[in-house]
Amino acid sequence: MPSVVGLLEQRELAARRRVDELREEADRIQAELAVAEQEWNEWVIARSRVGEVLAPDGAIVDPDASEGLPAPGGQPVRPGPTAAAKPKSVVPMWHAGLAWSALSVDYQRVLQALADRKRLGQGPLTCREMAACFGLDPVPGKVEALRSKAKRLTARGWLVESSPGRFTLAKGVTGQGGGS
């Protein structure tokens, strides 16, 4: 008759092996996701650049509006100053004068939390701390969702990752106006 401790050790070993396998698979998928997001971002940039080239001089074309084409009547689409971007919309590259309203509300919340930290003279913010600021439980799913948003904002020039996992506003990104 096998011992109870021996049976528990066997099951623990099997569970640990399963966890290790799943971690390896998750790492592989994370790496694949990073490559796919990079490729997607490159296509978004390419479409944006073509839209800029094809737009009349000085016109601002909304990249989410009918593939960057002018609105009916031939006038380019100009986003209103108070119109917030739709959820799930593409995060635009930051440039001086770009308003936070170009971002969805979730991204604006991240920027506001970091702006408040900067205003109070506090340092970078981790995603776990951000989750706490937003009243979210600091569980892995919520923290990883915030990390994804922060990484996307970093890739598009809105944030800086001063050290791994610690985020601050990028130089020039201030207040609700973006570049003012």
N, C-alpha and C. Protein backbone atom coordinates (compact mmCIF):
# COMPACT_ATOMS: atom_id res chain seq x y z
N MET A 1 0.86 -1.18 0.00
CA MET A 1 0.00 0.00 0.00
C MET A 1 0.90 1.25 0.00
N PRO A 2 0.73 2.13 -1.00
CA PRO A 2 1.56 3.33 -1.06
C PRO A 2 1.19 4.30 0.06
N SER A 3 2.18 5.10 0.44
CA SER A 3 1.93 6.06 1.51
C SER A 3 1.16 7.27 0.97
N VAL A 4 0.43 7.91 1.86
CA VAL A 4 -0.35 9.09 1.49
C VAL A 4 0.58 10.23 1.06
N VAL A 5 1.67 10.40 1.77
CA VAL A 5 2.63 11.44 1.44
C VAL A 5 3.23 11.18 0.06
N GLY A 6 3.54 9.93 -0.25
CA GLY A 6 4.08 9.58 -1.56
C GLY A 6 3.09 9.90 -2.67
N LEU A 7 1.82 9.57 -2.45
CA LEU A 7 0.78 9.89 -3.44
C LEU A 7 0.63 11.39 -3.64
N LEU A 8 0.68 12.14 -2.52
CA LEU A 8 0.58 13.60 -2.62
C LEU A 8 1.76 14.18 -3.39
N GLU A 9 2.96 13.65 -3.15
CA GLU A 9 4.14 14.13 -3.85
C GLU A 9 4.04 13.86 -5.34
N GLN A 10 3.50 12.69 -5.72
CA GLN A 10 3.32 12.36 -7.14
C GLN A 10 2.35 13.36 -7.80
N ARG A 11 1.26 13.62 -7.13
CA ARG A 11 0.28 14.55 -7.69
C ARG A 11 0.83 15.96 -7.75
N GLU A 12 1.59 16.36 -6.73
CA GLU A 12 2.21 17.69 -6.73
C GLU A 12 3.18 17.81 -7.90
N LEU A 13 3.97 16.76 -8.13
CA LEU A 13 4.93 16.77 -9.23
C LEU A 13 4.20 16.88 -10.58
N ALA A 14 3.13 16.14 -10.74
CA ALA A 14 2.35 16.20 -11.98
C ALA A 14 1.76 17.60 -12.17
N ALA A 15 1.25 18.19 -11.10
CA ALA A 15 0.68 19.53 -11.19
C ALA A 15 1.76 20.55 -11.53
N ARG A 16 2.94 20.42 -10.93
CA ARG A 16 4.04 21.34 -11.22
C ARG A 16 4.48 21.23 -12.68
N ARG A 17 4.55 20.00 -13.20
CA ARG A 17 4.90 19.81 -14.61
C ARG A 17 3.87 20.47 -15.51
N ARG A 18 2.61 20.34 -15.17
CA ARG A 18 1.54 20.97 -15.97
C ARG A 18 1.68 22.49 -15.95
N VAL A 19 1.95 23.05 -14.78
CA VAL A 19 2.15 24.50 -14.66
C VAL A 19 3.34 24.94 -15.52
N ASP A 20 4.43 24.19 -15.47
CA ASP A 20 5.61 24.53 -16.27
C ASP A 20 5.29 24.49 -17.76
N GLU A 21 4.55 23.45 -18.19
CA GLU A 21 4.16 23.36 -19.60
C GLU A 21 3.31 24.55 -20.02
N LEU A 22 2.34 24.89 -19.17
CA LEU A 22 1.47 26.02 -19.49
C LEU A 22 2.23 27.34 -19.52
N ARG A 23 3.19 27.51 -18.61
CA ARG A 23 4.01 28.73 -18.63
C ARG A 23 4.81 28.83 -19.91
N GLU A 24 5.39 27.70 -20.35
CA GLU A 24 6.14 27.70 -21.61
C GLU A 24 5.24 28.07 -22.78
N GLU A 25 4.05 27.51 -22.78
CA GLU A 25 3.09 27.81 -23.85
C GLU A 25 2.67 29.28 -23.80
N ALA A 26 2.44 29.80 -22.59
CA ALA A 26 2.06 31.21 -22.44
C ALA A 26 3.19 32.12 -22.92
N ASP A 27 4.43 31.77 -22.59
CA ASP A 27 5.57 32.57 -23.05
C ASP A 27 5.65 32.56 -24.57
N ARG A 28 5.43 31.40 -25.17
CA ARG A 28 5.46 31.29 -26.63
C ARG A 28 4.35 32.15 -27.24
N ILE A 29 3.17 32.09 -26.67
CA ILE A 29 2.05 32.86 -27.19
C ILE A 29 2.29 34.35 -26.98
N GLN A 30 2.86 34.74 -25.84
CA GLN A 30 3.18 36.16 -25.60
C GLN A 30 4.16 36.67 -26.64
N ALA A 31 5.17 35.85 -26.96
CA ALA A 31 6.15 36.26 -27.97
C ALA A 31 5.49 36.39 -29.33
N GLU A 32 4.62 35.44 -29.67
CA GLU A 32 3.89 35.49 -30.94
C GLU A 32 2.99 36.73 -30.98
N LEU A 33 2.33 37.02 -29.86
CA LEU A 33 1.46 38.18 -29.78
C LEU A 33 2.25 39.46 -29.98
N ALA A 34 3.42 39.56 -29.38
CA ALA A 34 4.25 40.76 -29.53
C ALA A 34 4.63 40.98 -30.99
N VAL A 35 4.98 39.90 -31.69
CA VAL A 35 5.33 40.01 -33.11
C VAL A 35 4.11 40.43 -33.91
N ALA A 36 2.95 39.83 -33.63
CA ALA A 36 1.73 40.17 -34.36
C ALA A 36 1.31 41.61 -34.10
N GLU A 37 1.42 42.08 -32.84
CA GLU A 37 1.09 43.48 -32.53
C GLU A 37 2.03 44.44 -33.23
N GLN A 38 3.31 44.10 -33.31
CA GLN A 38 4.28 44.94 -34.00
C GLN A 38 3.93 45.04 -35.48
N GLU A 39 3.60 43.90 -36.10
CA GLU A 39 3.22 43.92 -37.51
C GLU A 39 1.95 44.76 -37.72
N TRP A 40 0.98 44.57 -36.83
CA TRP A 40 -0.26 45.34 -36.93
C TRP A 40 0.03 46.83 -36.82
N ASN A 41 0.86 47.21 -35.83
CA ASN A 41 1.21 48.62 -35.66
C ASN A 41 1.89 49.19 -36.90
N GLU A 42 2.74 48.39 -37.54
CA GLU A 42 3.40 48.84 -38.76
C GLU A 42 2.38 49.10 -39.87
N TRP A 43 1.37 48.25 -39.98
CA TRP A 43 0.32 48.46 -40.99
C TRP A 43 -0.51 49.69 -40.67
N VAL A 44 -0.78 49.89 -39.38
CA VAL A 44 -1.53 51.09 -38.98
C VAL A 44 -0.74 52.35 -39.34
N ILE A 45 0.55 52.32 -39.06
CA ILE A 45 1.41 53.47 -39.39
C ILE A 45 1.44 53.68 -40.89
N ALA A 46 1.58 52.59 -41.64
CA ALA A 46 1.61 52.71 -43.11
C ALA A 46 0.32 53.34 -43.63
N ARG A 47 -0.83 52.88 -43.11
CA ARG A 47 -2.11 53.43 -43.55
C ARG A 47 -2.22 54.90 -43.17
N SER A 48 -1.73 55.23 -41.98
CA SER A 48 -1.76 56.62 -41.52
C SER A 48 -0.90 57.50 -42.41
N ARG A 49 0.28 57.01 -42.75
CA ARG A 49 1.19 57.78 -43.62
C ARG A 49 0.57 58.00 -45.00
N VAL A 50 -0.02 56.97 -45.55
CA VAL A 50 -0.67 57.12 -46.86
C VAL A 50 -1.81 58.12 -46.76
N GLY A 51 -2.56 58.06 -45.65
CA GLY A 51 -3.63 59.03 -45.45
C GLY A 51 -3.12 60.46 -45.39
N GLU A 52 -1.96 60.64 -44.72
CA GLU A 52 -1.36 61.98 -44.65
C GLU A 52 -0.92 62.46 -46.02
N VAL A 53 -0.35 61.56 -46.80
CA VAL A 53 0.13 61.94 -48.13
C VAL A 53 -1.03 62.27 -49.05
N LEU A 54 -2.10 61.52 -48.96
CA LEU A 54 -3.23 61.72 -49.86
C LEU A 54 -4.18 62.83 -49.40
N ALA A 55 -4.08 63.25 -48.13
CA ALA A 55 -4.97 64.29 -47.61
C ALA A 55 -4.57 65.65 -48.17
N PRO A 56 -5.55 66.55 -48.34
CA PRO A 56 -5.22 67.90 -48.78
C PRO A 56 -4.29 68.56 -47.75
N ASP A 57 -3.49 69.51 -48.18
CA ASP A 57 -2.53 70.17 -47.28
C ASP A 57 -3.22 70.69 -46.03
N GLY A 58 -2.65 70.35 -44.86
CA GLY A 58 -3.13 70.85 -43.58
C GLY A 58 -4.36 70.14 -43.05
N ALA A 59 -4.92 69.19 -43.79
CA ALA A 59 -6.14 68.52 -43.34
C ALA A 59 -5.77 67.41 -42.36
N ILE A 60 -6.62 67.21 -41.38
CA ILE A 60 -6.44 66.14 -40.42
C ILE A 60 -7.47 65.08 -40.77
N VAL A 61 -7.00 63.91 -41.14
CA VAL A 61 -7.90 62.84 -41.51
C VAL A 61 -7.97 61.85 -40.36
N ASP A 62 -9.20 61.52 -39.93
CA ASP A 62 -9.40 60.56 -38.85
C ASP A 62 -9.05 59.17 -39.38
N PRO A 63 -8.04 58.48 -38.83
CA PRO A 63 -7.66 57.18 -39.35
C PRO A 63 -8.74 56.12 -39.17
N ASP A 64 -9.69 56.33 -38.27
CA ASP A 64 -10.75 55.35 -38.06
C ASP A 64 -11.95 55.59 -38.95
N ALA A 65 -12.00 56.69 -39.65
CA ALA A 65 -13.16 57.02 -40.48
C ALA A 65 -12.96 56.49 -41.88
N SER A 66 -13.75 55.51 -42.25
CA SER A 66 -13.78 54.93 -43.59
C SER A 66 -12.41 54.87 -44.24
N GLU A 67 -11.52 54.16 -43.58
CA GLU A 67 -10.18 53.91 -44.11
C GLU A 67 -9.41 55.17 -44.43
N GLY A 68 -9.64 56.26 -43.72
CA GLY A 68 -8.86 57.46 -43.88
C GLY A 68 -9.29 58.32 -45.05
N LEU A 69 -10.44 58.04 -45.63
CA LEU A 69 -10.91 58.84 -46.76
C LEU A 69 -11.68 60.04 -46.25
N PRO A 70 -11.77 61.10 -47.05
CA PRO A 70 -12.56 62.25 -46.63
C PRO A 70 -14.03 61.88 -46.43
N ALA A 71 -14.71 62.64 -45.59
CA ALA A 71 -16.12 62.42 -45.34
C ALA A 71 -16.91 62.77 -46.59
N PRO A 72 -18.18 62.35 -46.68
CA PRO A 72 -18.99 62.72 -47.84
C PRO A 72 -18.98 64.23 -48.03
N GLY A 73 -18.91 64.65 -49.27
CA GLY A 73 -18.83 66.08 -49.57
C GLY A 73 -17.40 66.52 -49.79
N GLY A 74 -16.45 65.59 -49.64
CA GLY A 74 -15.06 65.89 -49.93
C GLY A 74 -14.28 66.55 -48.81
N GLN A 75 -14.93 66.92 -47.70
CA GLN A 75 -14.22 67.57 -46.60
C GLN A 75 -13.58 66.52 -45.71
N PRO A 76 -12.34 66.74 -45.30
CA PRO A 76 -11.70 65.77 -44.41
C PRO A 76 -12.39 65.76 -43.05
N VAL A 77 -12.31 64.61 -42.40
CA VAL A 77 -12.92 64.46 -41.08
C VAL A 77 -12.01 65.13 -40.06
N ARG A 78 -12.56 66.04 -39.28
CA ARG A 78 -11.80 66.70 -38.22
C ARG A 78 -12.42 66.32 -36.88
N PRO A 79 -11.65 65.61 -36.04
CA PRO A 79 -12.21 65.22 -34.76
C PRO A 79 -12.50 66.43 -33.90
N GLY A 80 -13.65 66.42 -33.24
CA GLY A 80 -14.02 67.52 -32.36
C GLY A 80 -13.16 67.53 -31.11
N PRO A 81 -13.00 68.69 -30.47
CA PRO A 81 -12.13 68.77 -29.31
C PRO A 81 -12.62 67.97 -28.12
N THR A 82 -13.92 67.73 -28.01
CA THR A 82 -14.42 67.00 -26.85
C THR A 82 -14.82 65.58 -27.20
N ALA A 83 -14.70 65.20 -28.45
CA ALA A 83 -15.11 63.85 -28.84
C ALA A 83 -14.04 62.85 -28.42
N ALA A 84 -14.42 61.93 -27.55
CA ALA A 84 -13.48 60.89 -27.12
C ALA A 84 -13.47 59.79 -28.17
N ALA A 85 -12.34 59.17 -28.33
CA ALA A 85 -12.22 58.06 -29.26
C ALA A 85 -13.09 56.91 -28.77
N LYS A 86 -13.51 56.09 -29.72
CA LYS A 86 -14.33 54.94 -29.37
C LYS A 86 -13.46 53.89 -28.68
N PRO A 87 -14.07 53.08 -27.79
CA PRO A 87 -13.31 51.97 -27.22
C PRO A 87 -12.84 51.06 -28.35
N LYS A 88 -11.72 50.41 -28.16
CA LYS A 88 -11.12 49.49 -29.13
C LYS A 88 -10.55 50.21 -30.35
N SER A 89 -10.47 51.54 -30.33
CA SER A 89 -9.90 52.25 -31.47
C SER A 89 -8.38 52.21 -31.38
N VAL A 90 -7.73 52.44 -32.50
CA VAL A 90 -6.28 52.39 -32.59
C VAL A 90 -5.69 53.57 -31.81
N VAL A 91 -4.62 53.29 -31.07
CA VAL A 91 -3.93 54.34 -30.33
C VAL A 91 -3.05 55.10 -31.32
N PRO A 92 -3.29 56.41 -31.50
CA PRO A 92 -2.48 57.16 -32.46
C PRO A 92 -1.09 57.45 -31.91
N MET A 93 -0.14 57.67 -32.82
CA MET A 93 1.20 58.09 -32.42
C MET A 93 1.07 59.47 -31.79
N TRP A 94 1.77 59.69 -30.67
CA TRP A 94 1.71 60.99 -30.02
C TRP A 94 2.53 62.00 -30.81
N HIS A 95 2.01 63.21 -30.90
CA HIS A 95 2.76 64.34 -31.44
C HIS A 95 2.27 65.59 -30.73
N ALA A 96 3.09 66.61 -30.71
CA ALA A 96 2.76 67.84 -30.00
C ALA A 96 1.40 68.35 -30.46
N GLY A 97 0.56 68.70 -29.51
CA GLY A 97 -0.75 69.26 -29.81
C GLY A 97 -1.86 68.22 -29.91
N LEU A 98 -1.52 66.94 -29.90
CA LEU A 98 -2.55 65.90 -29.98
C LEU A 98 -3.26 65.80 -28.64
N ALA A 99 -4.57 65.97 -28.65
CA ALA A 99 -5.36 65.95 -27.42
C ALA A 99 -5.56 64.52 -26.92
N TRP A 100 -5.73 64.41 -25.62
CA TRP A 100 -6.00 63.10 -25.03
C TRP A 100 -7.30 62.52 -25.54
N SER A 101 -8.19 63.36 -26.02
CA SER A 101 -9.47 62.87 -26.52
C SER A 101 -9.31 61.99 -27.75
N ALA A 102 -8.12 61.95 -28.32
CA ALA A 102 -7.85 61.04 -29.44
C ALA A 102 -7.79 59.60 -28.95
N LEU A 103 -7.70 59.44 -27.63
CA LEU A 103 -7.62 58.11 -27.03
C LEU A 103 -8.96 57.72 -26.42
N SER A 104 -9.18 56.42 -26.29
CA SER A 104 -10.40 55.97 -25.62
C SER A 104 -10.29 56.30 -24.13
N VAL A 105 -11.41 56.24 -23.44
CA VAL A 105 -11.49 56.63 -22.04
C VAL A 105 -10.53 55.82 -21.16
N ASP A 106 -10.37 54.52 -21.46
CA ASP A 106 -9.47 53.68 -20.67
C ASP A 106 -8.04 54.19 -20.74
N TYR A 107 -7.60 54.57 -21.93
CA TYR A 107 -6.24 55.09 -22.08
C TYR A 107 -6.11 56.47 -21.42
N GLN A 108 -7.17 57.28 -21.50
CA GLN A 108 -7.14 58.58 -20.85
C GLN A 108 -7.00 58.42 -19.34
N ARG A 109 -7.64 57.40 -18.76
CA ARG A 109 -7.51 57.15 -17.32
C ARG A 109 -6.08 56.83 -16.94
N VAL A 110 -5.39 56.05 -17.76
CA VAL A 110 -3.99 55.71 -17.50
C VAL A 110 -3.15 56.99 -17.52
N LEU A 111 -3.36 57.82 -18.55
CA LEU A 111 -2.60 59.07 -18.65
C LEU A 111 -2.90 59.99 -17.46
N GLN A 112 -4.16 60.05 -17.06
CA GLN A 112 -4.54 60.92 -15.94
C GLN A 112 -3.88 60.47 -14.65
N ALA A 113 -3.83 59.16 -14.43
CA ALA A 113 -3.19 58.64 -13.21
C ALA A 113 -1.70 59.02 -13.20
N LEU A 114 -1.05 58.90 -14.35
CA LEU A 114 0.37 59.24 -14.42
C LEU A 114 0.59 60.75 -14.33
N ALA A 115 -0.33 61.54 -14.90
CA ALA A 115 -0.23 63.00 -14.79
C ALA A 115 -0.38 63.43 -13.33
N ASP A 116 -1.30 62.78 -12.61
CA ASP A 116 -1.49 63.10 -11.19
C ASP A 116 -0.22 62.76 -10.41
N ARG A 117 0.39 61.62 -10.72
CA ARG A 117 1.64 61.24 -10.05
C ARG A 117 2.72 62.30 -10.29
N LYS A 118 2.81 62.72 -11.55
CA LYS A 118 3.83 63.71 -11.90
C LYS A 118 3.57 65.03 -11.18
N ARG A 119 2.30 65.45 -11.15
CA ARG A 119 1.92 66.70 -10.51
C ARG A 119 2.25 66.67 -9.02
N LEU A 120 2.12 65.51 -8.39
CA LEU A 120 2.41 65.36 -6.97
C LEU A 120 3.89 65.11 -6.68
N GLY A 121 4.70 65.08 -7.74
CA GLY A 121 6.13 64.87 -7.58
C GLY A 121 6.49 63.44 -7.23
N GLN A 122 5.62 62.51 -7.57
CA GLN A 122 5.89 61.10 -7.29
C GLN A 122 6.49 60.45 -8.53
N GLY A 123 7.13 59.33 -8.34
CA GLY A 123 7.84 58.66 -9.43
C GLY A 123 6.94 57.82 -10.32
N PRO A 124 7.56 56.92 -11.05
CA PRO A 124 6.83 56.05 -11.99
C PRO A 124 5.79 55.20 -11.27
N LEU A 125 4.88 54.67 -12.06
CA LEU A 125 3.76 53.89 -11.53
C LEU A 125 3.81 52.50 -12.14
N THR A 126 3.59 51.47 -11.33
CA THR A 126 3.50 50.10 -11.85
C THR A 126 2.04 49.82 -12.21
N CYS A 127 1.82 48.79 -12.98
CA CYS A 127 0.45 48.45 -13.38
C CYS A 127 -0.36 47.95 -12.19
N ARG A 128 0.29 47.30 -11.24
CA ARG A 128 -0.41 46.86 -10.03
C ARG A 128 -0.88 48.08 -9.24
N GLU A 129 -0.03 49.10 -9.14
CA GLU A 129 -0.41 50.34 -8.45
C GLU A 129 -1.53 51.05 -9.21
N MET A 130 -1.46 51.02 -10.54
CA MET A 130 -2.52 51.62 -11.35
C MET A 130 -3.86 50.94 -11.07
N ALA A 131 -3.84 49.62 -11.01
CA ALA A 131 -5.07 48.87 -10.74
C ALA A 131 -5.66 49.33 -9.41
N ALA A 132 -4.81 49.50 -8.41
CA ALA A 132 -5.28 49.97 -7.10
C ALA A 132 -5.86 51.38 -7.21
N CYS A 133 -5.20 52.25 -8.00
CA CYS A 133 -5.70 53.62 -8.19
C CYS A 133 -7.10 53.63 -8.79
N PHE A 134 -7.37 52.68 -9.68
CA PHE A 134 -8.66 52.62 -10.37
C PHE A 134 -9.70 51.84 -9.59
N GLY A 135 -9.32 51.36 -8.40
CA GLY A 135 -10.26 50.60 -7.58
C GLY A 135 -10.46 49.18 -8.07
N LEU A 136 -9.53 48.67 -8.88
CA LEU A 136 -9.62 47.30 -9.38
C LEU A 136 -8.87 46.37 -8.44
N ASP A 137 -9.32 45.14 -8.38
CA ASP A 137 -8.57 44.15 -7.62
C ASP A 137 -7.26 43.90 -8.36
N PRO A 138 -6.14 43.88 -7.64
CA PRO A 138 -4.85 43.66 -8.33
C PRO A 138 -4.62 42.19 -8.69
N VAL A 139 -5.59 41.60 -9.39
CA VAL A 139 -5.47 40.22 -9.84
C VAL A 139 -4.75 40.21 -11.19
N PRO A 140 -4.09 39.11 -11.53
CA PRO A 140 -3.30 39.08 -12.76
C PRO A 140 -4.05 39.54 -14.01
N GLY A 141 -5.30 39.16 -14.17
CA GLY A 141 -6.04 39.55 -15.38
C GLY A 141 -6.19 41.06 -15.52
N LYS A 142 -6.51 41.73 -14.43
CA LYS A 142 -6.68 43.19 -14.46
C LYS A 142 -5.34 43.89 -14.65
N VAL A 143 -4.31 43.40 -13.94
CA VAL A 143 -2.99 44.01 -14.03
C VAL A 143 -2.43 43.84 -15.44
N GLU A 144 -2.60 42.66 -16.03
CA GLU A 144 -2.09 42.42 -17.38
C GLU A 144 -2.83 43.26 -18.42
N ALA A 145 -4.12 43.49 -18.21
CA ALA A 145 -4.87 44.36 -19.14
C ALA A 145 -4.31 45.79 -19.08
N LEU A 146 -4.01 46.26 -17.88
CA LEU A 146 -3.40 47.59 -17.75
C LEU A 146 -1.99 47.62 -18.33
N ARG A 147 -1.25 46.54 -18.13
CA ARG A 147 0.11 46.47 -18.68
C ARG A 147 0.06 46.54 -20.20
N SER A 148 -0.90 45.85 -20.79
CA SER A 148 -1.06 45.88 -22.25
C SER A 148 -1.34 47.31 -22.73
N LYS A 149 -2.22 48.01 -22.03
CA LYS A 149 -2.52 49.40 -22.39
C LYS A 149 -1.28 50.29 -22.24
N ALA A 150 -0.58 50.12 -21.12
CA ALA A 150 0.62 50.94 -20.87
C ALA A 150 1.69 50.65 -21.92
N LYS A 151 1.88 49.40 -22.29
CA LYS A 151 2.87 49.05 -23.31
C LYS A 151 2.48 49.65 -24.67
N ARG A 152 1.18 49.61 -24.98
CA ARG A 152 0.72 50.17 -26.25
C ARG A 152 0.94 51.69 -26.26
N LEU A 153 0.64 52.35 -25.14
CA LEU A 153 0.88 53.79 -25.05
C LEU A 153 2.37 54.10 -25.14
N THR A 154 3.20 53.23 -24.59
CA THR A 154 4.65 53.41 -24.68
C THR A 154 5.11 53.28 -26.13
N ALA A 155 4.61 52.26 -26.81
CA ALA A 155 5.01 52.03 -28.20
C ALA A 155 4.58 53.19 -29.11
N ARG A 156 3.52 53.90 -28.74
CA ARG A 156 3.01 54.99 -29.57
C ARG A 156 3.49 56.36 -29.10
N GLY A 157 4.41 56.40 -28.11
CA GLY A 157 5.05 57.64 -27.72
C GLY A 157 4.38 58.44 -26.62
N TRP A 158 3.32 57.93 -26.01
CA TRP A 158 2.61 58.65 -24.95
C TRP A 158 3.28 58.46 -23.59
N LEU A 159 3.86 57.28 -23.37
CA LEU A 159 4.48 56.95 -22.08
C LEU A 159 5.93 56.53 -22.28
N VAL A 160 6.65 56.48 -21.17
CA VAL A 160 8.02 55.97 -21.15
C VAL A 160 8.07 54.91 -20.06
N GLU A 161 8.70 53.79 -20.38
CA GLU A 161 8.91 52.74 -19.38
C GLU A 161 10.32 52.95 -18.84
N SER A 162 10.41 53.72 -17.74
CA SER A 162 11.70 54.12 -17.19
C SER A 162 12.53 52.94 -16.72
N SER A 163 11.90 51.95 -16.17
CA SER A 163 12.53 50.68 -15.83
C SER A 163 11.45 49.62 -16.05
N PRO A 164 11.82 48.36 -16.18
CA PRO A 164 10.81 47.35 -16.51
C PRO A 164 9.59 47.40 -15.59
N GLY A 165 8.42 47.61 -16.20
CA GLY A 165 7.17 47.62 -15.46
C GLY A 165 6.83 48.92 -14.76
N ARG A 166 7.62 49.97 -14.94
CA ARG A 166 7.37 51.26 -14.27
C ARG A 166 7.21 52.32 -15.34
N PHE A 167 6.04 52.99 -15.34
CA PHE A 167 5.69 53.89 -16.43
C PHE A 167 5.54 55.34 -15.95
N THR A 168 5.91 56.28 -16.83
CA THR A 168 5.71 57.71 -16.62
C THR A 168 5.26 58.32 -17.94
N LEU A 169 4.74 59.55 -17.85
CA LEU A 169 4.37 60.26 -19.08
C LEU A 169 5.63 60.55 -19.87
N ALA A 170 5.52 60.48 -21.18
CA ALA A 170 6.65 60.83 -22.04
C ALA A 170 6.87 62.34 -21.99
N LYS A 171 8.07 62.76 -22.30
CA LYS A 171 8.40 64.18 -22.32
C LYS A 171 7.49 64.89 -23.31
N GLY A 172 6.87 65.97 -22.88
CA GLY A 172 5.98 66.74 -23.75
C GLY A 172 4.52 66.38 -23.60
N VAL A 173 4.21 65.19 -23.07
CA VAL A 173 2.81 64.78 -22.87
C VAL A 173 2.39 65.32 -21.52
N THR A 174 1.56 66.38 -21.55
CA THR A 174 1.11 67.00 -20.30
C THR A 174 -0.36 67.34 -20.41
N GLY A 175 -1.04 67.31 -19.30
CA GLY A 175 -2.43 67.77 -19.22
C GLY A 175 -3.35 67.14 -20.24
N GLN A 176 -4.59 67.56 -20.25
CA GLN A 176 -5.59 67.01 -21.17
C GLN A 176 -5.33 67.36 -22.62
N GLY A 177 -4.58 68.42 -22.87
CA GLY A 177 -4.37 68.85 -24.24
C GLY A 177 -3.32 68.05 -24.95
N GLY A 178 -2.56 67.23 -24.26
CA GLY A 178 -1.56 66.40 -24.90
C GLY A 178 -0.23 67.10 -25.00
N GLY A 179 -0.09 68.19 -25.70
CA GLY A 179 1.21 68.79 -25.89
C GLY A 179 1.31 70.19 -25.34
N SER A 180 0.32 70.67 -24.59
CA SER A 180 0.36 72.03 -24.07
C SER A 180 1.02 72.12 -22.74
